[in-house]
C-alpha atoms as a PDB file:
ATOM      1  CA  MET A   1      -9.995  -4.914 -10.838  1.00  0.00           C
ATOM      2  CA  THR A   2     -10.863  -8.126  -9.034  1.00  0.00           C
ATOM      3  CA  THR A   3     -11.588  -8.312  -5.326  1.00  0.00           C
ATOM      4  CA  MET A   4      -8.312  -9.933  -4.613  1.00  0.00           C
ATOM      5  CA  GLU A   5      -6.392  -7.156  -6.455  1.00  0.00           C
ATOM      6  CA  ARG A   6      -8.455  -4.590  -4.512  1.00  0.00           C
ATOM      7  CA  GLU A   7      -7.703  -6.023  -1.195  1.00  0.00           C
ATOM      8  CA  ALA A   8      -3.889  -6.409  -2.313  1.00  0.00           C
ATOM      9  CA  LEU A   9      -3.966  -2.622  -3.063  1.00  0.00           C
ATOM     10  CA  ALA A  10      -5.450  -1.596   0.185  1.00  0.00           C
ATOM     11  CA  SER A  11      -2.872  -4.137   2.020  1.00  0.00           C
ATOM     12  CA  ILE A  12       0.163  -2.550   0.327  1.00  0.00           C
ATOM     13  CA  CYS A  13      -1.129   0.970   1.019  1.00  0.00           C
ATOM     14  CA  LEU A  14      -1.486   0.192   4.805  1.00  0.00           C
ATOM     15  CA  LEU A  15       1.944  -1.441   4.736  1.00  0.00           C
ATOM     16  CA  ALA A  16       3.371   1.695   3.137  1.00  0.00           C
ATOM     17  CA  ALA A  17       1.769   3.832   5.720  1.00  0.00           C
ATOM     18  CA  MET A  18       3.287   1.451   8.517  1.00  0.00           C
ATOM     19  CA  VAL A  19       6.690   1.051   7.060  1.00  0.00           C
ATOM     20  CA  ASP A  20       8.659   3.820   8.974  1.00  0.00           C
ATOM     21  CA  GLY A  21       6.646   3.480  12.116  1.00  0.00           C
ATOM     22  CA  ASN A  22       5.519   6.972  12.107  1.00  0.00           C
ATOM     23  CA  GLN A  23       2.047   8.260  10.831  1.00  0.00           C
ATOM     24  CA  SER A  24       1.542  11.866  10.321  1.00  0.00           C
ATOM     25  CA  GLU A  25      -1.840  13.505   9.952  1.00  0.00           C
ATOM     26  CA  SER A  26      -1.019  14.081   6.375  1.00  0.00           C
ATOM     27  CA  GLU A  27      -0.193  10.475   5.846  1.00  0.00           C
ATOM     28  CA  ARG A  28      -3.530   9.267   7.584  1.00  0.00           C
ATOM     29  CA  VAL A  29      -5.389  11.678   5.298  1.00  0.00           C
ATOM     30  CA  LYS A  30      -3.639  10.351   2.084  1.00  0.00           C
ATOM     31  CA  LEU A  31      -4.102   6.713   3.238  1.00  0.00           C
ATOM     32  CA  GLN A  32      -7.828   7.177   3.641  1.00  0.00           C
ATOM     33  CA  GLN A  33      -8.125   8.953   0.263  1.00  0.00           C
ATOM     34  CA  ALA A  34      -6.243   5.838  -1.229  1.00  0.00           C
ATOM     35  CA  LEU A  35      -8.493   3.512   0.349  1.00  0.00           C
ATOM     36  CA  ASN A  36     -11.420   5.469  -0.811  1.00  0.00           C
ATOM     37  CA  GLN A  37     -10.277   5.361  -4.316  1.00  0.00           C
ATOM     38  CA  ILE A  38      -9.620   1.657  -4.109  1.00  0.00           C
ATOM     39  CA  GLY A  39     -13.194   0.945  -2.823  1.00  0.00           C
ATOM     40  CA  GLY A  40     -14.677  -1.178  -0.145  1.00  0.00           C
ATOM     41  CA  VAL A  41     -12.530  -3.968   1.193  1.00  0.00           C
ATOM     42  CA  ASP A  42     -13.266  -6.638   3.740  1.00  0.00           C
ATOM     43  CA  PRO A  43     -12.180  -5.550   7.257  1.00  0.00           C
ATOM     44  CA  SER A  44     -10.182  -8.656   7.566  1.00  0.00           C
ATOM     45  CA  VAL A  45      -7.571  -6.980   5.094  1.00  0.00           C
ATOM     46  CA  PHE A  46      -6.798  -4.410   8.055  1.00  0.00           C
ATOM     47  CA  GLN A  47      -6.469  -7.005  10.672  1.00  0.00           C
ATOM     48  CA  ARG A  48      -4.241  -9.025   8.469  1.00  0.00           C
ATOM     49  CA  VAL A  49      -1.965  -6.175   7.963  1.00  0.00           C
ATOM     50  CA  PHE A  50      -2.080  -4.802  11.531  1.00  0.00           C
ATOM     51  CA  LEU A  51      -1.287  -8.213  12.944  1.00  0.00           C
ATOM     52  CA  ARG A  52       1.607  -8.612  10.298  1.00  0.00           C
ATOM     53  CA  GLN A  53      -0.055 -11.807   8.888  1.00  0.00           C
ATOM     54  CA  THR A  54       0.948 -10.701   5.320  1.00  0.00           C
ATOM     55  CA  THR A  55       3.930  -9.240   3.484  1.00  0.00           C
ATOM     56  CA  ILE A  56       4.501  -6.983   0.661  1.00  0.00           C
ATOM     57  CA  GLU A  57       5.687 -10.061  -1.466  1.00  0.00           C
ATOM     58  CA  GLU A  58       2.484 -12.083  -0.822  1.00  0.00           C
ATOM     59  CA  GLU A  59       0.161  -8.983  -1.747  1.00  0.00           C
ATOM     60  CA  ALA A  60       2.202  -8.064  -4.692  1.00  0.00           C
ATOM     61  CA  ARG A  61       1.781 -11.430  -6.182  1.00  0.00           C
ATOM     62  CA  LYS A  62      -1.907 -11.021  -6.037  1.00  0.00           C
ATOM     63  CA  ILE A  63      -1.954  -8.142  -8.625  1.00  0.00           C
ATOM     64  CA  ASN A  64      -1.850  -9.380 -12.239  1.00  0.00           C
ATOM     65  CA  ASP A  65      -3.172  -6.570 -14.152  1.00  0.00           C
ATOM     66  CA  PRO A  66      -0.555  -4.079 -15.377  1.00  0.00           C
ATOM     67  CA  ALA A  67      -2.861  -1.140 -14.899  1.00  0.00           C
ATOM     68  CA  VAL A  68      -3.544  -2.102 -11.289  1.00  0.00           C
ATOM     69  CA  LYS A  69       0.185  -2.722 -10.776  1.00  0.00           C
ATOM     70  CA  ARG A  70       0.834   0.992 -11.761  1.00  0.00           C
ATOM     71  CA  SER A  71      -2.114   2.253  -9.645  1.00  0.00           C
ATOM     72  CA  CYS A  72      -0.732   0.389  -6.764  1.00  0.00           C
ATOM     73  CA  TYR A  73       2.768   1.907  -6.994  1.00  0.00           C
ATOM     74  CA  GLU A  74       1.416   5.328  -7.350  1.00  0.00           C
ATOM     75  CA  LEU A  75      -0.963   4.812  -4.488  1.00  0.00           C
ATOM     76  CA  ALA A  76       1.962   3.520  -2.226  1.00  0.00           C
ATOM     77  CA  VAL A  77       4.269   6.432  -3.431  1.00  0.00           C
ATOM     78  CA  GLY A  78       1.531   8.972  -2.401  1.00  0.00           C
ATOM     79  CA  VAL A  79       1.127   7.404   0.847  1.00  0.00           C
ATOM     80  CA  CYS A  80       5.007   7.457   1.630  1.00  0.00           C
ATOM     81  CA  ASP A  81       5.688  10.902   0.010  1.00  0.00           C
ATOM     82  CA  CYS A  82       2.554  12.734   1.486  1.00  0.00           C
ATOM     83  CA  ASP A  83       4.393  14.459   4.140  1.00  0.00           C
ATOM     84  CA  GLY A  84       7.120  15.758   1.960  1.00  0.00           C
ATOM     85  CA  VAL A  85       9.717  13.383   3.322  1.00  0.00           C
ATOM     86  CA  SER A  86      10.570   9.956   2.304  1.00  0.00           C
ATOM     87  CA  SER A  87      12.406   8.202   5.119  1.00  0.00           C
ATOM     88  CA  PRO A  88      14.945   5.518   4.365  1.00  0.00           C
ATOM     89  CA  ALA A  89      12.655   2.793   5.210  1.00  0.00           C
ATOM     90  CA  GLU A  90       9.919   4.300   2.903  1.00  0.00           C
ATOM     91  CA  LYS A  91      12.454   4.491  -0.020  1.00  0.00           C
ATOM     92  CA  GLU A  92      13.443   0.857   0.676  1.00  0.00           C
ATOM     93  CA  PHE A  93       9.833  -0.298   0.588  1.00  0.00           C
ATOM     94  CA  LEU A  94       9.107   1.607  -2.547  1.00  0.00           C
ATOM     95  CA  GLY A  95      12.069   0.148  -4.368  1.00  0.00           C
ATOM     96  CA  LYS A  96      10.921  -3.288  -3.315  1.00  0.00           C
ATOM     97  CA  LEU A  97       7.548  -2.766  -4.536  1.00  0.00           C
ATOM     98  CA  ALA A  98       8.640  -1.527  -7.823  1.00  0.00           C
ATOM     99  CA  GLY A  99      10.809  -4.493  -8.308  1.00  0.00           C
ATOM    100  CA  LEU A 100       7.959  -6.918  -7.160  1.00  0.00           C
ATOM    101  CA  LEU A 101       5.411  -5.263  -9.574  1.00  0.00           C
ATOM    102  CA  GLY A 102       7.770  -5.061 -12.403  1.00  0.00           C
END
């Protein structure tokens, strides 16, 4: 996995956590687990996401490897579904992500 792909994965996981405007404790824990699995990323990734300087479309375009695409989707699903309930916003996000990643 390239640095660019790793940072895109982290960005998408952060976007997934923020998509419905609510963050449960289980979602924070799952997000931290996903970020630990991805590995170290530049702190500017967090800033870019929190300041809304990137989009799901921009980040998805950075991922080329099919295995990384699968991992990205699985991690995002884990973040969205960890509290047992997927909101309509989370479902829409995951549908869009699936389309973008192919």
